[in-house]
Amino acid sequence: QVQLVESGGGLVQAGGSLRLSCAASGRTFSRIVVGWFRQAPGKEREFVARIRWSGDNTYYADSVRDRFTISRDNAKNTVYLQMNSLKPEDTAVYYCAAGIVIATTETFYDYWGQGTQVTVSS
């Protein structure tokens, strides 16, 4: 079992920045992949970014590439999502998830956090 807890969400003006954290505990191991997803009101949950725990194999959705950066701190068992140049359309509940398959589809992720709200005002 892997437990995930997100933090760092909040309200920010357009153009601002936030850093989300995903703290992992339990059965963490080098093969794990951590992804960030988001779900806006009335929309399906969508992939944002992912990273392998043991390396720098990262991948981003086109909508956030060059604005968001995913990283990890193995010593703290934490994955971060640095979000810059935020837009109102980035408003959503952000979830981190963990699995063992390098994927952008949520069905491949077995463990999920509770989510953190990000609201970007115009």
Protein backbone atom coordinates (compact mmCIF):
# COMPACT_ATOMS: atom_id res chain seq x y z
CA GLN A 1 0.00 0.00 0.00
CA VAL A 2 1.06 3.55 -0.76
CA GLN A 3 -0.47 6.54 0.96
CA LEU A 4 -0.40 9.94 -0.75
CA VAL A 5 -1.18 13.32 0.77
CA GLU A 6 -1.31 16.48 -1.35
CA SER A 7 -0.84 20.00 -0.06
CA GLY A 8 -0.08 23.46 -1.35
CA GLY A 9 -3.27 24.37 -3.15
CA GLY A 10 -4.96 27.72 -2.78
CA LEU A 11 -6.17 30.87 -4.48
CA VAL A 12 -3.81 32.79 -6.75
CA GLN A 13 -4.15 35.50 -9.37
CA ALA A 14 -3.53 34.78 -13.02
CA GLY A 15 0.18 34.87 -13.77
CA GLY A 16 1.06 33.75 -10.28
CA SER A 17 2.70 30.58 -8.99
CA LEU A 18 1.96 27.73 -6.62
CA ARG A 19 3.88 24.64 -5.60
CA LEU A 20 1.97 21.49 -4.82
CA SER A 21 3.45 18.71 -2.72
CA CYS A 22 2.65 15.02 -2.70
CA ALA A 23 4.00 13.21 0.34
CA ALA A 24 4.23 9.44 -0.05
CA SER A 25 4.37 6.85 2.70
CA GLY A 26 4.00 3.14 2.99
CA ARG A 27 5.34 0.84 0.32
CA THR A 28 7.42 3.20 -1.79
CA PHE A 29 10.08 1.75 -4.07
CA SER A 30 12.32 2.78 -6.91
CA ARG A 31 10.01 1.56 -9.70
CA ILE A 32 7.12 3.75 -8.66
CA VAL A 33 5.75 6.38 -11.02
CA VAL A 34 4.00 9.43 -9.60
CA GLY A 35 1.59 11.44 -11.66
CA TRP A 36 -0.39 14.61 -11.20
CA PHE A 37 -3.93 14.82 -12.54
CA ARG A 38 -6.55 17.52 -12.28
CA GLN A 39 -10.30 17.77 -12.52
CA ALA A 40 -12.13 20.99 -13.24
CA PRO A 41 -15.84 21.41 -12.45
CA GLY A 42 -17.98 19.60 -15.00
CA LYS A 43 -14.97 18.07 -16.74
CA GLU A 44 -13.25 14.72 -16.71
CA ARG A 45 -10.05 14.24 -14.79
CA GLU A 46 -7.01 14.83 -17.00
CA PHE A 47 -3.32 14.05 -16.89
CA VAL A 48 -0.93 16.87 -16.00
CA ALA A 49 2.56 15.45 -15.45
CA ARG A 50 4.42 12.36 -14.28
CA ILE A 51 7.85 11.37 -12.99
CA ARG A 52 9.64 8.15 -12.17
CA TRP A 53 10.72 7.97 -8.56
CA SER A 54 14.20 6.72 -9.43
CA GLY A 55 15.03 9.04 -12.27
CA ASP A 56 14.25 12.19 -14.16
CA ASN A 57 11.98 10.61 -16.74
CA THR A 58 9.32 13.30 -16.84
CA TYR A 59 6.41 13.99 -19.17
CA TYR A 60 3.87 16.79 -19.35
CA ALA A 61 0.52 17.49 -20.91
CA ASP A 62 0.77 19.98 -23.75
CA SER A 63 -1.40 22.43 -21.83
CA VAL A 64 1.15 22.79 -19.01
CA ARG A 65 4.48 22.10 -20.69
CA ASP A 66 6.92 25.01 -20.18
CA ARG A 67 4.82 26.35 -17.27
CA PHE A 68 4.75 23.43 -14.81
CA THR A 69 7.69 21.42 -13.47
CA ILE A 70 7.46 18.08 -11.71
CA SER A 71 10.29 17.01 -9.42
CA ARG A 72 10.95 14.69 -6.51
CA ASP A 73 12.91 14.67 -3.27
CA ASN A 74 13.67 11.05 -2.45
CA ALA A 75 14.93 11.88 1.03
CA LYS A 76 11.56 13.44 1.88
CA ASN A 77 9.49 10.92 -0.13
CA THR A 78 7.81 13.89 -1.76
CA VAL A 79 6.95 14.83 -5.32
CA TYR A 80 6.39 18.47 -6.21
CA LEU A 81 4.51 20.26 -8.95
CA GLN A 82 5.77 23.78 -9.46
CA MET A 83 3.13 25.74 -11.34
CA ASN A 84 4.10 29.06 -12.90
CA SER A 85 2.25 31.51 -15.15
CA LEU A 86 -1.04 30.16 -13.90
CA LYS A 87 -4.17 30.73 -15.94
CA PRO A 88 -7.85 30.67 -14.91
CA GLU A 89 -8.22 27.47 -16.94
CA ASP A 90 -5.77 25.79 -14.55
CA THR A 91 -8.45 25.98 -11.85
CA ALA A 92 -9.18 22.42 -10.70
CA VAL A 93 -8.75 19.90 -7.94
CA TYR A 94 -5.26 18.48 -8.34
CA TYR A 95 -4.57 14.86 -7.43
CA CYS A 96 -1.33 12.96 -7.18
CA ALA A 97 -1.34 9.27 -7.95
CA ALA A 98 1.14 6.40 -7.89
CA GLY A 99 1.59 3.27 -9.93
CA ILE A 100 4.24 1.09 -11.52
CA VAL A 101 3.47 1.73 -15.17
CA ILE A 102 4.84 4.76 -16.99
CA ALA A 103 1.54 6.10 -18.26
CA THR A 104 -0.64 9.16 -18.70
CA THR A 105 -3.91 7.26 -18.30
CA GLU A 106 -5.38 7.28 -14.83
CA THR A 107 -6.41 3.63 -14.99
CA PHE A 108 -2.74 2.66 -14.66
CA TYR A 109 -2.41 4.44 -11.32
CA ASP A 110 -3.32 2.36 -8.29
CA TYR A 111 -3.06 4.82 -5.43
CA TRP A 112 -4.56 8.30 -5.16
CA GLY A 113 -4.43 11.22 -2.79
CA GLN A 114 -7.46 13.15 -1.63
CA GLY A 115 -6.81 16.15 -3.88
CA THR A 116 -6.05 19.81 -3.30
CA GLN A 117 -7.98 22.74 -4.75
CA VAL A 118 -6.23 25.25 -6.98
CA THR A 119 -8.18 28.35 -7.95
CA VAL A 120 -6.76 30.92 -10.36
CA SER A 121 -8.60 34.23 -10.53
CA SER A 122 -8.57 36.45 -13.59
